[in-house]
N, C-alpha and C. Protein backbone atom coordinates (compact mmCIF):
# COMPACT_ATOMS: atom_id res chain seq x y z
N UNK A 1 -12.51 -2.10 -0.56
CA UNK A 1 -12.65 -1.41 0.23
C UNK A 1 -13.89 -0.86 1.54
N UNK A 2 -13.95 -1.00 2.35
CA UNK A 2 -14.86 -0.69 3.38
C UNK A 2 -14.54 0.54 4.73
N UNK A 3 -14.93 1.09 4.71
CA UNK A 3 -14.79 2.25 5.70
C UNK A 3 -15.57 1.76 7.00
N UNK A 4 -14.66 1.24 8.09
CA UNK A 4 -15.01 0.85 9.47
C UNK A 4 -15.38 2.03 10.49
N UNK A 5 -14.70 2.93 10.30
CA UNK A 5 -14.41 3.84 11.41
C UNK A 5 -14.15 5.46 10.51
N UNK A 6 -14.37 6.43 11.95
CA UNK A 6 -14.73 7.84 11.21
C UNK A 6 -13.91 8.35 12.71
N UNK A 7 -12.83 9.27 12.20
CA UNK A 7 -12.52 9.93 13.45
C UNK A 7 -12.29 11.49 12.87
N UNK A 8 -12.43 12.00 13.86
CA UNK A 8 -12.01 13.76 13.80
C UNK A 8 -10.63 14.21 14.20
N UNK A 9 -9.84 13.38 15.11
CA UNK A 9 -8.73 13.53 14.46
C UNK A 9 -7.86 12.56 13.74
N UNK A 10 -7.22 13.01 12.95
CA UNK A 10 -6.45 12.28 11.54
C UNK A 10 -5.16 11.49 12.72
N UNK A 11 -4.76 12.18 13.73
CA UNK A 11 -3.73 11.11 14.39
C UNK A 11 -4.55 9.96 15.11
N UNK A 12 -5.92 9.80 15.68
CA UNK A 12 -6.50 8.76 16.14
C UNK A 12 -6.74 7.44 15.19
N UNK A 13 -6.73 8.02 13.88
CA UNK A 13 -6.93 7.32 12.83
C UNK A 13 -5.86 6.49 12.29
N UNK A 14 -4.68 7.02 12.31
CA UNK A 14 -3.14 6.73 12.06
C UNK A 14 -2.64 5.95 13.21
N UNK A 15 -3.25 6.12 14.49
CA UNK A 15 -2.76 5.08 15.44
C UNK A 15 -3.58 4.06 15.26
N UNK A 16 -5.10 3.68 14.99
CA UNK A 16 -5.75 2.86 15.14
C UNK A 16 -5.17 2.27 13.41
N UNK A 17 -4.79 2.64 12.55
CA UNK A 17 -3.92 1.88 11.10
C UNK A 17 -3.17 1.20 11.49
N UNK A 18 -2.48 1.58 12.45
CA UNK A 18 -1.07 1.12 12.99
C UNK A 18 -1.65 -0.10 13.46
N UNK A 19 -2.50 -0.30 14.63
CA UNK A 19 -2.61 -1.38 15.15
C UNK A 19 -3.12 -2.37 14.99
N UNK A 20 -3.94 -1.85 13.50
CA UNK A 20 -4.28 -3.09 12.37
C UNK A 20 -3.22 -3.66 11.70
N UNK A 21 -2.34 -2.71 11.20
CA UNK A 21 -1.35 -3.55 10.68
C UNK A 21 -0.63 -4.27 11.52
N UNK A 22 -0.21 -3.82 12.40
CA UNK A 22 0.61 -4.70 13.26
C UNK A 22 -0.01 -6.38 13.60
N UNK A 23 -1.64 -6.40 13.54
CA UNK A 23 -2.01 -7.61 13.41
C UNK A 23 -2.67 -8.23 11.68
N UNK A 24 -1.51 -7.67 11.04
CA UNK A 24 -1.42 -8.10 9.78
C UNK A 24 -2.70 -7.79 9.04
N UNK A 25 -3.18 -7.08 9.14
CA UNK A 25 -4.80 -6.38 8.19
C UNK A 25 -4.30 -5.10 7.55
N UNK A 26 -4.28 -5.26 6.61
CA UNK A 26 -3.62 -3.69 5.57
C UNK A 26 -4.84 -2.58 5.61
N UNK A 27 -4.74 -1.62 6.21
CA UNK A 27 -5.62 -0.57 6.36
C UNK A 27 -5.19 0.75 5.56
N UNK A 28 -6.21 2.01 5.47
CA UNK A 28 -5.92 3.12 4.74
C UNK A 28 -6.72 3.94 5.91
N UNK A 29 -5.88 5.26 5.46
CA UNK A 29 -6.39 6.53 6.30
C UNK A 29 -7.08 7.25 5.28
N UNK A 30 -8.40 7.79 4.90
CA UNK A 30 -8.87 8.58 3.86
C UNK A 30 -9.12 9.97 4.59
N UNK A 31 -8.63 11.15 3.94
CA UNK A 31 -8.90 12.50 4.68
C UNK A 31 -9.17 13.45 3.61
N UNK A 32 -10.39 14.37 3.77
CA UNK A 32 -10.46 15.53 2.98
C UNK A 32 -9.87 16.77 3.40
N UNK A 33 -8.87 16.80 3.39
CA UNK A 33 -7.98 18.27 3.98
C UNK A 33 -7.14 19.02 3.28
N UNK A 34 -7.54 18.70 1.46
CA UNK A 34 -6.97 19.41 0.78
C UNK A 34 -5.57 19.00 0.94
N UNK A 35 -5.16 18.14 0.97
CA UNK A 35 -3.72 17.63 0.65
C UNK A 35 -3.02 18.22 2.29
N UNK A 36 -3.65 18.56 3.28
CA UNK A 36 -3.06 18.87 4.49
C UNK A 36 -3.24 20.33 4.63
N UNK A 37 -3.51 21.16 3.58
CA UNK A 37 -3.48 22.48 3.72
C UNK A 37 -4.24 23.55 4.58
N UNK A 38 -5.70 22.62 4.84
CA UNK A 38 -6.67 23.46 5.42
C UNK A 38 -7.21 22.11 6.89
N UNK A 39 -6.27 21.72 7.56
CA UNK A 39 -7.02 20.92 8.52
C UNK A 39 -8.01 20.85 9.21
N UNK A 40 -8.47 22.15 9.32
CA UNK A 40 -9.76 22.53 9.89
C UNK A 40 -10.94 21.75 9.01
N UNK A 41 -10.79 21.56 7.78
CA UNK A 41 -11.55 20.42 7.38
C UNK A 41 -12.00 19.21 7.72
N UNK A 42 -11.43 18.54 9.22
CA UNK A 42 -11.59 16.98 9.84
C UNK A 42 -13.04 17.41 10.30
N UNK A 43 -13.06 18.71 10.60
CA UNK A 43 -14.61 19.07 11.23
C UNK A 43 -15.95 18.80 10.34
N UNK A 44 -15.67 18.73 9.33
CA UNK A 44 -16.88 19.15 8.36
C UNK A 44 -16.02 17.64 7.66
N UNK A 45 -15.22 17.06 7.59
CA UNK A 45 -14.85 15.78 6.70
C UNK A 45 -13.96 14.62 7.83
N UNK A 46 -14.65 14.07 8.72
CA UNK A 46 -13.68 13.00 9.49
C UNK A 46 -12.43 12.28 8.60
N UNK A 47 -11.60 11.92 9.44
CA UNK A 47 -10.49 11.06 8.84
C UNK A 47 -11.16 9.57 8.93
N UNK A 48 -11.66 8.84 7.59
CA UNK A 48 -11.96 7.64 7.68
C UNK A 48 -10.86 6.50 7.68
N UNK A 49 -11.16 5.44 8.61
CA UNK A 49 -10.17 3.91 8.12
C UNK A 49 -10.96 3.10 7.37
N UNK A 50 -10.30 2.52 6.49
CA UNK A 50 -10.83 1.36 5.53
C UNK A 50 -10.01 0.66 5.48
N UNK A 51 -10.46 -0.75 5.71
CA UNK A 51 -10.11 -2.14 5.47
C UNK A 51 -10.57 -3.17 4.41
N UNK A 52 -10.21 -3.91 3.78
CA UNK A 52 -10.58 -4.95 2.66
C UNK A 52 -12.29 -5.27 3.25
N UNK A 53 -12.46 -5.60 2.78
CA UNK A 53 -14.51 -6.24 3.16
C UNK A 53 -14.31 -7.40 3.79
N UNK A 54 -13.66 -8.24 3.85
CA UNK A 54 -13.74 -9.58 4.22
C UNK A 54 -12.65 -9.17 5.78
N UNK A 55 -11.77 -8.04 5.70
CA UNK A 55 -11.08 -8.01 7.12
C UNK A 55 -11.89 -6.91 7.95
N UNK A 56 -13.08 -6.79 7.45
CA UNK A 56 -13.84 -5.79 8.39
C UNK A 56 -14.07 -5.78 9.43
N UNK A 57 -14.77 -7.31 10.28
CA UNK A 57 -15.33 -8.20 10.86
C UNK A 57 -13.96 -7.91 12.12
N UNK A 58 -13.10 -9.10 11.93
CA UNK A 58 -11.79 -8.80 12.40
C UNK A 58 -11.25 -7.74 12.83
N UNK A 59 -10.97 -6.48 11.85
CA UNK A 59 -10.45 -5.29 12.36
C UNK A 59 -11.62 -4.50 13.89
N UNK A 60 -12.45 -4.57 13.29
CA UNK A 60 -13.35 -3.76 14.27
C UNK A 60 -13.13 -4.65 15.95
N UNK A 61 -13.21 -6.27 15.77
CA UNK A 61 -12.72 -6.55 16.52
C UNK A 61 -11.52 -6.31 17.29
N UNK A 62 -10.86 -6.14 16.73
CA UNK A 62 -9.15 -5.97 16.95
C UNK A 62 -9.49 -4.25 17.92
N UNK A 63 -9.83 -3.77 16.92
CA UNK A 63 -10.23 -2.41 17.72
C UNK A 63 -10.96 -2.20 19.15
N UNK A 64 -11.84 -2.70 19.01
CA UNK A 64 -12.72 -3.09 20.41
C UNK A 64 -12.22 -3.67 21.36
N UNK A 65 -11.02 -4.28 21.32
CA UNK A 65 -10.90 -5.26 22.05
C UNK A 65 -10.33 -4.40 23.44
N UNK A 66 -10.21 -4.99 24.62
CA UNK A 66 -9.37 -4.32 25.89
C UNK A 66 -7.81 -4.28 25.42
N UNK A 67 -7.40 -3.20 25.95
CA UNK A 67 -5.72 -3.39 25.88
C UNK A 67 -5.09 -4.26 27.20
N UNK A 68 -4.45 -5.56 26.71
CA UNK A 68 -3.97 -6.31 27.88
C UNK A 68 -2.35 -6.55 27.50
N UNK A 69 -1.39 -5.75 28.92
CA UNK A 69 -0.46 -5.68 28.60
C UNK A 69 0.33 -7.09 28.33
N UNK A 70 1.34 -6.95 27.11
CA UNK A 70 2.17 -8.04 27.17
C UNK A 70 2.61 -8.56 28.60
N UNK A 71 2.50 -10.15 28.53
CA UNK A 71 3.49 -10.85 29.54
C UNK A 71 5.02 -10.29 29.90
N UNK A 72 5.30 -10.20 31.15
CA UNK A 72 6.62 -10.08 31.67
C UNK A 72 7.41 -11.10 31.50
N UNK A 73 8.85 -10.73 31.50
CA UNK A 73 9.92 -12.23 31.50
C UNK A 73 9.30 -13.14 32.90
N UNK A 74 9.03 -14.36 32.11
CA UNK A 74 8.89 -15.44 33.24
C UNK A 74 7.41 -16.02 33.68
N UNK A 75 6.88 -14.97 32.39
CA UNK A 75 5.00 -15.18 32.65
C UNK A 75 4.52 -14.80 33.20
N UNK A 76 4.82 -13.91 34.14
CA UNK A 76 3.99 -12.87 34.68
C UNK A 76 3.49 -11.28 33.83
N UNK A 77 2.64 -11.22 34.24
CA UNK A 77 1.85 -9.56 34.07
C UNK A 77 2.40 -8.62 35.05
N UNK A 78 2.88 -7.45 34.67
CA UNK A 78 3.51 -6.56 35.18
C UNK A 78 2.85 -6.33 36.24
N UNK A 79 1.51 -6.32 36.38
CA UNK A 79 0.66 -5.85 37.81
C UNK A 79 0.90 -6.74 38.38
N UNK A 80 0.87 -7.96 38.10
CA UNK A 80 1.13 -9.08 39.26
C UNK A 80 2.28 -9.28 40.52
N UNK A 81 3.07 -8.64 39.72
CA UNK A 81 4.53 -8.95 40.69
C UNK A 81 4.46 -8.05 41.50
N UNK A 82 4.98 -8.12 42.94
CA UNK A 82 5.02 -7.41 44.06
C UNK A 82 6.07 -6.37 43.69
N UNK A 83 6.12 -5.15 44.42
CA UNK A 83 6.75 -4.04 44.34
C UNK A 83 8.49 -4.53 44.46
N UNK A 84 9.28 -4.01 43.57
CA UNK A 84 10.86 -4.38 44.03
C UNK A 84 11.08 -3.28 44.34
N UNK A 85 12.26 -4.23 45.66
CA UNK A 85 12.84 -3.03 46.67
C UNK A 85 12.57 -3.31 48.07
């Protein structure tokens, strides 16, 4: 396992983990906050996102890629359609 990112917010780390898992890349969030009893410890010890070493490059590519919405029905993008009404 290698650490690919650090996050001050645990929630951001969990979202990033979900994105990677949606792309079939197993990931784990490591945090040092005394089992949740000391959430302020994130300021000193950020939440870390770790993946398998051979998935690291692909994981960083996925996390750094710009967001593109899914195609709408019929192959059009949501923002390409004229307003309805």
